[in-house]
N, C-alpha and C. Protein backbone atom coordinates (compact mmCIF):
# COMPACT_ATOMS: atom_id res chain seq x y z
N MET A 1 0.84 -1.17 0.00
CA MET A 1 0.00 0.00 0.00
C MET A 1 0.89 1.24 0.00
N LYS A 2 0.58 2.20 -0.91
CA LYS A 2 1.34 3.43 -0.99
C LYS A 2 0.81 4.42 0.04
N ILE A 3 1.76 5.13 0.62
CA ILE A 3 1.38 6.15 1.59
C ILE A 3 1.53 7.50 0.91
N THR A 4 0.51 8.31 0.97
CA THR A 4 0.54 9.64 0.36
C THR A 4 0.76 10.67 1.46
N PRO A 5 1.15 11.89 1.09
CA PRO A 5 1.28 12.94 2.09
C PRO A 5 -0.03 13.18 2.85
N MET A 6 -1.14 13.02 2.18
CA MET A 6 -2.44 13.20 2.83
C MET A 6 -2.64 12.14 3.91
N ASP A 7 -2.21 10.88 3.61
CA ASP A 7 -2.32 9.81 4.61
C ASP A 7 -1.53 10.17 5.86
N ILE A 8 -0.35 10.73 5.65
CA ILE A 8 0.50 11.09 6.80
C ILE A 8 -0.16 12.20 7.61
N GLN A 9 -0.72 13.20 6.88
CA GLN A 9 -1.34 14.33 7.58
C GLN A 9 -2.57 13.89 8.37
N GLN A 10 -3.28 12.94 7.87
CA GLN A 10 -4.53 12.54 8.53
C GLN A 10 -4.34 11.39 9.53
N GLN A 11 -3.14 10.93 9.67
CA GLN A 11 -2.87 9.82 10.60
C GLN A 11 -3.18 10.27 12.03
N GLN A 12 -3.91 9.46 12.74
CA GLN A 12 -4.25 9.72 14.14
C GLN A 12 -3.62 8.63 15.00
N PHE A 13 -3.12 9.03 16.15
CA PHE A 13 -2.52 8.09 17.08
C PHE A 13 -3.39 8.07 18.34
N LYS A 14 -3.44 6.93 18.94
CA LYS A 14 -4.16 6.82 20.20
C LYS A 14 -3.23 7.28 21.31
N GLY A 15 -3.72 8.10 22.15
CA GLY A 15 -2.90 8.61 23.23
C GLY A 15 -2.93 7.67 24.42
N LYS A 16 -1.87 7.60 25.16
CA LYS A 16 -1.81 6.81 26.37
C LYS A 16 -2.23 7.69 27.52
N MET A 17 -2.65 7.06 28.52
CA MET A 17 -3.11 7.81 29.69
C MET A 17 -1.93 8.47 30.37
N LEU A 18 -0.98 7.73 30.68
CA LEU A 18 0.15 8.28 31.43
C LEU A 18 1.39 8.20 30.56
N GLY A 19 2.11 9.28 30.47
CA GLY A 19 3.38 9.32 29.76
C GLY A 19 3.26 9.05 28.29
N GLY A 20 2.18 9.46 27.68
CA GLY A 20 2.00 9.22 26.24
C GLY A 20 2.70 10.29 25.40
N LEU A 21 2.45 10.25 24.13
CA LEU A 21 3.06 11.18 23.18
C LEU A 21 2.33 12.51 23.23
N ASP A 22 3.10 13.57 22.98
CA ASP A 22 2.50 14.90 22.90
C ASP A 22 1.87 15.01 21.52
N PRO A 23 0.54 15.18 21.47
CA PRO A 23 -0.14 15.21 20.18
C PRO A 23 0.36 16.34 19.29
N GLU A 24 0.75 17.47 19.82
CA GLU A 24 1.22 18.58 19.01
C GLU A 24 2.56 18.23 18.37
N ASP A 25 3.45 17.58 19.15
CA ASP A 25 4.74 17.16 18.57
C ASP A 25 4.53 16.14 17.46
N VAL A 26 3.65 15.20 17.68
CA VAL A 26 3.37 14.18 16.67
C VAL A 26 2.79 14.84 15.43
N ASP A 27 1.82 15.77 15.59
CA ASP A 27 1.22 16.45 14.45
C ASP A 27 2.27 17.28 13.69
N ALA A 28 3.14 17.96 14.45
CA ALA A 28 4.17 18.78 13.81
C ALA A 28 5.13 17.89 13.00
N PHE A 29 5.51 16.76 13.60
CA PHE A 29 6.40 15.83 12.90
C PHE A 29 5.72 15.26 11.66
N LEU A 30 4.45 14.90 11.79
CA LEU A 30 3.71 14.36 10.65
C LEU A 30 3.59 15.41 9.54
N GLN A 31 3.40 16.67 9.90
CA GLN A 31 3.32 17.75 8.91
C GLN A 31 4.67 17.88 8.19
N LEU A 32 5.76 17.80 8.94
CA LEU A 32 7.10 17.89 8.36
C LEU A 32 7.36 16.73 7.41
N VAL A 33 7.03 15.52 7.84
CA VAL A 33 7.21 14.33 6.99
C VAL A 33 6.33 14.43 5.75
N ALA A 34 5.10 14.88 5.93
CA ALA A 34 4.18 15.01 4.79
C ALA A 34 4.72 16.02 3.80
N GLY A 35 5.25 17.14 4.26
CA GLY A 35 5.82 18.16 3.37
C GLY A 35 7.02 17.62 2.59
N GLU A 36 7.91 16.91 3.31
CA GLU A 36 9.07 16.32 2.64
C GLU A 36 8.65 15.29 1.60
N MET A 37 7.67 14.47 1.97
CA MET A 37 7.19 13.43 1.06
C MET A 37 6.53 14.07 -0.16
N GLU A 38 5.77 15.16 0.08
CA GLU A 38 5.14 15.86 -1.03
C GLU A 38 6.19 16.42 -1.98
N GLU A 39 7.27 17.00 -1.44
CA GLU A 39 8.36 17.53 -2.25
C GLU A 39 9.05 16.41 -3.03
N LEU A 40 9.27 15.27 -2.39
CA LEU A 40 9.90 14.13 -3.06
C LEU A 40 9.03 13.58 -4.19
N ILE A 41 7.72 13.55 -3.94
CA ILE A 41 6.80 13.06 -4.99
C ILE A 41 6.81 14.03 -6.17
N ARG A 42 6.80 15.35 -5.90
CA ARG A 42 6.83 16.36 -6.95
C ARG A 42 8.14 16.24 -7.75
N GLU A 43 9.24 16.09 -7.03
CA GLU A 43 10.54 15.95 -7.68
C GLU A 43 10.60 14.68 -8.52
N ASN A 44 10.03 13.60 -7.97
CA ASN A 44 9.98 12.33 -8.70
C ASN A 44 9.15 12.47 -9.97
N ASN A 45 8.01 13.17 -9.88
CA ASN A 45 7.17 13.38 -11.06
C ASN A 45 7.89 14.24 -12.10
N ASP A 46 8.60 15.29 -11.62
CA ASP A 46 9.38 16.12 -12.55
C ASP A 46 10.45 15.30 -13.26
N LEU A 47 11.14 14.46 -12.50
CA LEU A 47 12.18 13.62 -13.09
C LEU A 47 11.59 12.63 -14.10
N LYS A 48 10.40 12.09 -13.79
CA LYS A 48 9.75 11.17 -14.74
C LYS A 48 9.39 11.91 -16.03
N GLU A 49 8.87 13.15 -15.88
CA GLU A 49 8.53 13.94 -17.07
C GLU A 49 9.79 14.23 -17.89
N ARG A 50 10.86 14.61 -17.21
CA ARG A 50 12.11 14.89 -17.91
C ARG A 50 12.63 13.64 -18.61
N LEU A 51 12.53 12.50 -17.91
CA LEU A 51 12.95 11.23 -18.50
C LEU A 51 12.13 10.92 -19.75
N ASN A 52 10.82 11.14 -19.68
CA ASN A 52 9.96 10.89 -20.85
C ASN A 52 10.33 11.82 -22.01
N ARG A 53 10.57 13.11 -21.69
CA ARG A 53 10.97 14.05 -22.75
C ARG A 53 12.30 13.63 -23.37
N ASN A 54 13.24 13.26 -22.51
CA ASN A 54 14.55 12.82 -23.01
C ASN A 54 14.43 11.57 -23.86
N ALA A 55 13.58 10.65 -23.42
CA ALA A 55 13.38 9.42 -24.20
C ALA A 55 12.76 9.74 -25.56
N THR A 56 11.81 10.68 -25.58
CA THR A 56 11.19 11.09 -26.84
C THR A 56 12.22 11.76 -27.75
N GLN A 57 13.01 12.66 -27.17
CA GLN A 57 14.05 13.33 -27.96
C GLN A 57 15.07 12.33 -28.49
N MET A 58 15.43 11.37 -27.67
CA MET A 58 16.40 10.36 -28.09
C MET A 58 15.84 9.53 -29.25
N ALA A 59 14.55 9.17 -29.14
CA ALA A 59 13.93 8.40 -30.23
C ALA A 59 13.92 9.22 -31.52
N GLU A 60 13.61 10.52 -31.39
CA GLU A 60 13.61 11.39 -32.57
C GLU A 60 15.01 11.48 -33.16
N MET A 61 16.01 11.62 -32.29
CA MET A 61 17.39 11.71 -32.77
C MET A 61 17.84 10.42 -33.43
N GLU A 62 17.42 9.29 -32.88
CA GLU A 62 17.77 8.01 -33.50
C GLU A 62 17.12 7.89 -34.87
N ALA A 63 15.87 8.36 -34.96
CA ALA A 63 15.19 8.32 -36.25
C ALA A 63 15.91 9.24 -37.25
N ARG A 64 16.32 10.42 -36.81
CA ARG A 64 17.05 11.34 -37.68
C ARG A 64 18.39 10.73 -38.09
N GLU A 65 19.04 10.09 -37.13
CA GLU A 65 20.33 9.46 -37.43
C GLU A 65 20.16 8.38 -38.50
N ALA A 66 19.12 7.57 -38.35
CA ALA A 66 18.87 6.52 -39.34
C ALA A 66 18.57 7.13 -40.71
N GLN A 67 17.77 8.20 -40.70
CA GLN A 67 17.44 8.86 -41.96
C GLN A 67 18.69 9.48 -42.58
N LEU A 68 19.53 10.09 -41.74
CA LEU A 68 20.78 10.68 -42.24
C LEU A 68 21.69 9.60 -42.81
N ARG A 69 21.75 8.46 -42.13
CA ARG A 69 22.58 7.35 -42.61
C ARG A 69 22.09 6.89 -43.98
N GLU A 70 20.74 6.75 -44.10
CA GLU A 70 20.17 6.33 -45.39
C GLU A 70 20.47 7.36 -46.47
N THR A 71 20.37 8.63 -46.12
CA THR A 71 20.64 9.70 -47.08
C THR A 71 22.09 9.66 -47.53
N MET A 72 22.99 9.45 -46.58
CA MET A 72 24.41 9.39 -46.92
C MET A 72 24.71 8.19 -47.81
N LEU A 73 24.08 7.05 -47.51
CA LEU A 73 24.28 5.87 -48.35
C LEU A 73 23.75 6.12 -49.76
N ALA A 74 22.57 6.77 -49.83
CA ALA A 74 21.99 7.08 -51.14
C ALA A 74 22.91 8.03 -51.90
N ALA A 75 23.45 9.03 -51.20
CA ALA A 75 24.36 9.97 -51.85
C ALA A 75 25.62 9.26 -52.33
N GLN A 76 26.10 8.33 -51.54
CA GLN A 76 27.30 7.57 -51.94
C GLN A 76 26.99 6.73 -53.18
N ARG A 77 25.81 6.08 -53.18
CA ARG A 77 25.44 5.28 -54.35
C ARG A 77 25.33 6.16 -55.60
N ILE A 78 24.71 7.33 -55.43
CA ILE A 78 24.54 8.24 -56.56
C ILE A 78 25.90 8.70 -57.06
N THR A 79 26.80 9.01 -56.12
CA THR A 79 28.15 9.44 -56.50
C THR A 79 28.87 8.35 -57.28
N GLU A 80 28.75 7.12 -56.79
CA GLU A 80 29.40 6.00 -57.50
C GLU A 80 28.80 5.80 -58.88
N GLU A 81 27.47 5.94 -58.98
CA GLU A 81 26.82 5.80 -60.28
C GLU A 81 27.27 6.91 -61.23
N MET A 82 27.36 8.14 -60.69
CA MET A 82 27.80 9.26 -61.52
C MET A 82 29.24 9.04 -61.99
N LYS A 83 30.07 8.54 -61.10
CA LYS A 83 31.47 8.27 -61.46
C LYS A 83 31.53 7.21 -62.55
N ALA A 84 30.75 6.14 -62.37
CA ALA A 84 30.73 5.07 -63.38
C ALA A 84 30.22 5.59 -64.71
N ASN A 85 29.16 6.41 -64.67
CA ASN A 85 28.63 6.98 -65.92
C ASN A 85 29.64 7.90 -66.58
N ALA A 86 30.35 8.68 -65.77
CA ALA A 86 31.37 9.57 -66.34
C ALA A 86 32.48 8.76 -66.99
N GLN A 87 32.88 7.66 -66.35
CA GLN A 87 33.92 6.82 -66.94
C GLN A 87 33.44 6.20 -68.25
N LYS A 88 32.18 5.72 -68.26
CA LYS A 88 31.63 5.15 -69.49
C LYS A 88 31.60 6.20 -70.60
N GLU A 89 31.16 7.41 -70.22
CA GLU A 89 31.09 8.48 -71.21
C GLU A 89 32.48 8.84 -71.72
N ALA A 90 33.46 8.87 -70.81
CA ALA A 90 34.84 9.17 -71.22
C ALA A 90 35.36 8.10 -72.18
N HIS A 91 35.09 6.82 -71.86
CA HIS A 91 35.53 5.74 -72.75
C HIS A 91 34.85 5.86 -74.12
N LEU A 92 33.57 6.21 -74.09
CA LEU A 92 32.83 6.36 -75.35
C LEU A 92 33.41 7.51 -76.17
N MET A 93 33.71 8.62 -75.48
CA MET A 93 34.29 9.77 -76.19
C MET A 93 35.66 9.42 -76.77
N ILE A 94 36.45 8.67 -76.02
CA ILE A 94 37.77 8.26 -76.51
C ILE A 94 37.61 7.35 -77.73
N SER A 95 36.68 6.41 -77.64
CA SER A 95 36.44 5.50 -78.77
C SER A 95 36.01 6.27 -80.00
N GLU A 96 35.09 7.22 -79.80
CA GLU A 96 34.63 8.03 -80.93
C GLU A 96 35.78 8.84 -81.51
N ALA A 97 36.61 9.41 -80.64
CA ALA A 97 37.75 10.20 -81.11
C ALA A 97 38.74 9.32 -81.88
N GLU A 98 38.97 8.09 -81.38
CA GLU A 98 39.87 7.18 -82.09
C GLU A 98 39.31 6.83 -83.46
N LEU A 99 38.00 6.55 -83.53
CA LEU A 99 37.38 6.24 -84.82
C LEU A 99 37.49 7.42 -85.78
N LYS A 100 37.22 8.62 -85.25
CA LYS A 100 37.30 9.82 -86.08
C LYS A 100 38.74 10.03 -86.56
N GLY A 101 39.70 9.81 -85.65
CA GLY A 101 41.11 9.92 -86.03
C GLY A 101 41.48 8.92 -87.11
N GLU A 102 41.00 7.69 -86.96
CA GLU A 102 41.29 6.66 -87.97
C GLU A 102 40.69 7.04 -89.32
N ARG A 103 39.46 7.62 -89.29
CA ARG A 103 38.82 8.06 -90.53
C ARG A 103 39.62 9.19 -91.18
N ILE A 104 40.10 10.11 -90.35
CA ILE A 104 40.88 11.24 -90.87
C ILE A 104 42.18 10.73 -91.51
N VAL A 105 42.85 9.80 -90.80
CA VAL A 105 44.09 9.23 -91.34
C VAL A 105 43.81 8.49 -92.64
N ALA A 106 42.72 7.70 -92.67
CA ALA A 106 42.38 6.95 -93.88
C ALA A 106 42.07 7.91 -95.03
N ASP A 107 41.32 8.99 -94.72
CA ASP A 107 41.01 9.98 -95.76
C ASP A 107 42.28 10.65 -96.26
N ALA A 108 43.20 10.96 -95.34
CA ALA A 108 44.46 11.59 -95.74
C ALA A 108 45.28 10.64 -96.60
N GLU A 109 45.31 9.37 -96.23
CA GLU A 109 46.05 8.39 -97.03
C GLU A 109 45.44 8.27 -98.42
N ASN A 110 44.10 8.25 -98.48
CA ASN A 110 43.43 8.19 -99.79
C ASN A 110 43.76 9.43 -100.62
N LYS A 111 43.75 10.59 -99.98
CA LYS A 111 44.07 11.84 -100.67
C LYS A 111 45.52 11.81 -101.16
N LEU A 112 46.42 11.27 -100.33
CA LEU A 112 47.82 11.15 -100.71
C LEU A 112 47.97 10.26 -101.95
N VAL A 113 47.25 9.14 -101.94
CA VAL A 113 47.29 8.24 -103.10
C VAL A 113 46.78 8.95 -104.34
N GLN A 114 45.68 9.72 -104.18
CA GLN A 114 45.12 10.46 -105.33
C GLN A 114 46.12 11.50 -105.84
N LEU A 115 46.74 12.21 -104.87
CA LEU A 115 47.71 13.23 -105.28
C LEU A 115 48.93 12.60 -105.97
N ASN A 116 49.41 11.48 -105.44
CA ASN A 116 50.53 10.78 -106.08
C ASN A 116 50.15 10.33 -107.49
N ASN A 117 48.91 9.85 -107.65
CA ASN A 117 48.44 9.44 -108.99
C ASN A 117 48.38 10.65 -109.92
N GLN A 118 47.89 11.79 -109.37
CA GLN A 118 47.83 13.00 -110.20
C GLN A 118 49.24 13.45 -110.59
N ILE A 119 50.17 13.36 -109.63
CA ILE A 119 51.56 13.74 -109.93
C ILE A 119 52.12 12.83 -111.03
N GLN A 120 51.87 11.54 -110.92
CA GLN A 120 52.35 10.60 -111.94
C GLN A 120 51.72 10.93 -113.29
N ASP A 121 50.41 11.25 -113.27
CA ASP A 121 49.74 11.61 -114.52
C ASP A 121 50.36 12.88 -115.12
N LEU A 122 50.62 13.88 -114.24
CA LEU A 122 51.22 15.12 -114.72
C LEU A 122 52.63 14.89 -115.25
N LYS A 123 53.39 14.03 -114.58
CA LYS A 123 54.74 13.72 -115.06
C LYS A 123 54.67 13.07 -116.44
N ARG A 124 53.70 12.14 -116.61
CA ARG A 124 53.53 11.49 -117.92
C ARG A 124 53.13 12.51 -118.99
N ASP A 125 52.18 13.38 -118.58
CA ASP A 125 51.74 14.41 -119.53
C ASP A 125 52.91 15.32 -119.91
N LYS A 126 53.73 15.69 -118.92
CA LYS A 126 54.89 16.57 -119.16
C LYS A 126 55.88 15.88 -120.11
N LEU A 127 56.13 14.58 -119.82
CA LEU A 127 57.06 13.84 -120.65
C LEU A 127 56.53 13.73 -122.09
N GLN A 128 55.22 13.47 -122.21
CA GLN A 128 54.63 13.39 -123.55
C GLN A 128 54.71 14.74 -124.26
N PHE A 129 54.43 15.82 -123.48
CA PHE A 129 54.50 17.15 -124.08
C PHE A 129 55.92 17.47 -124.52
N GLU A 130 56.89 17.18 -123.61
CA GLU A 130 58.28 17.46 -123.95
C GLU A 130 58.71 16.67 -125.18
N THR A 131 58.34 15.39 -125.21
CA THR A 131 58.70 14.54 -126.34
C THR A 131 58.05 15.06 -127.63
N GLY A 132 56.77 15.41 -127.51
CA GLY A 132 56.06 15.94 -128.68
C GLY A 132 56.66 17.25 -129.14
N PHE A 133 56.98 18.12 -128.19
CA PHE A 133 57.55 19.43 -128.52
C PHE A 133 58.94 19.27 -129.13
N LYS A 134 59.72 18.35 -128.57
CA LYS A 134 61.07 18.09 -129.10
C LYS A 134 60.97 17.56 -130.54
N ASN A 135 60.02 16.65 -130.74
CA ASN A 135 59.83 16.11 -132.09
C ASN A 135 59.42 17.22 -133.05
N LEU A 136 58.55 18.12 -132.57
CA LEU A 136 58.12 19.24 -133.40
C LEU A 136 59.30 20.14 -133.73
N LEU A 137 60.12 20.43 -132.71
CA LEU A 137 61.30 21.27 -132.94
C LEU A 137 62.27 20.58 -133.90
N ASP A 138 62.45 19.27 -133.71
CA ASP A 138 63.33 18.53 -134.63
C ASP A 138 62.80 18.60 -136.07
N THR A 139 61.50 18.50 -136.19
CA THR A 139 60.90 18.55 -137.52
C THR A 139 61.15 19.92 -138.14
N TYR A 140 60.91 21.01 -137.37
CA TYR A 140 61.16 22.36 -137.87
C TYR A 140 62.64 22.58 -138.17
N TYR A 141 63.52 22.02 -137.35
CA TYR A 141 64.96 22.16 -137.57
C TYR A 141 65.34 21.48 -138.88
N LYS A 142 64.78 20.30 -139.09
CA LYS A 142 65.08 19.59 -140.33
C LYS A 142 64.56 20.36 -141.53
N LEU A 143 63.39 20.95 -141.37
CA LEU A 143 62.82 21.74 -142.46
C LEU A 143 63.69 22.95 -142.74
N LEU A 144 64.17 23.57 -141.68
CA LEU A 144 65.02 24.74 -141.82
C LEU A 144 66.37 24.35 -142.45
N ALA A 145 66.84 23.17 -142.02
CA ALA A 145 68.12 22.71 -142.55
C ALA A 145 67.98 22.38 -144.06
N LEU A 146 66.87 21.95 -144.51
CA LEU A 146 66.65 21.62 -145.91
C LEU A 146 66.54 22.90 -146.77
N ASP A 147 66.04 23.93 -146.19
CA ASP A 147 65.89 25.20 -146.93
C ASP A 147 67.23 25.86 -147.15
N LYS A 148 68.18 25.56 -146.54
CA LYS A 148 69.45 26.23 -146.67
C LYS A 148 70.17 25.80 -147.87
């Protein structure tokens, strides 16, 4: 059975006929004990309320911590995905650049072959022209030599 401050205040003692307790001293002591008990109960209730508030705050903080942890993990996953995508894109760009470079080199080689063919054609044309011109000059020289 719990004793409340009210129980202490209302407690009655039977007095003895001879040499008994002084009722005023007993009442004064009971009032003092009741006041102390009332203060202890109030303090106990305050501590319980504080404990409940702290427990609630702790639960909220744990929930925030879990949420923060999940957020950080998600951010890490996103960062890793972005890094992987950037690497894939870089490899793709390098491959495209290599293909473009190979096409440029192939086009240049083809152009070189065409230019070499044109040079050979021009050399042949020059040789034919020179030979034809020389033959023409020889013919005119012979004609001139006959007229003399």
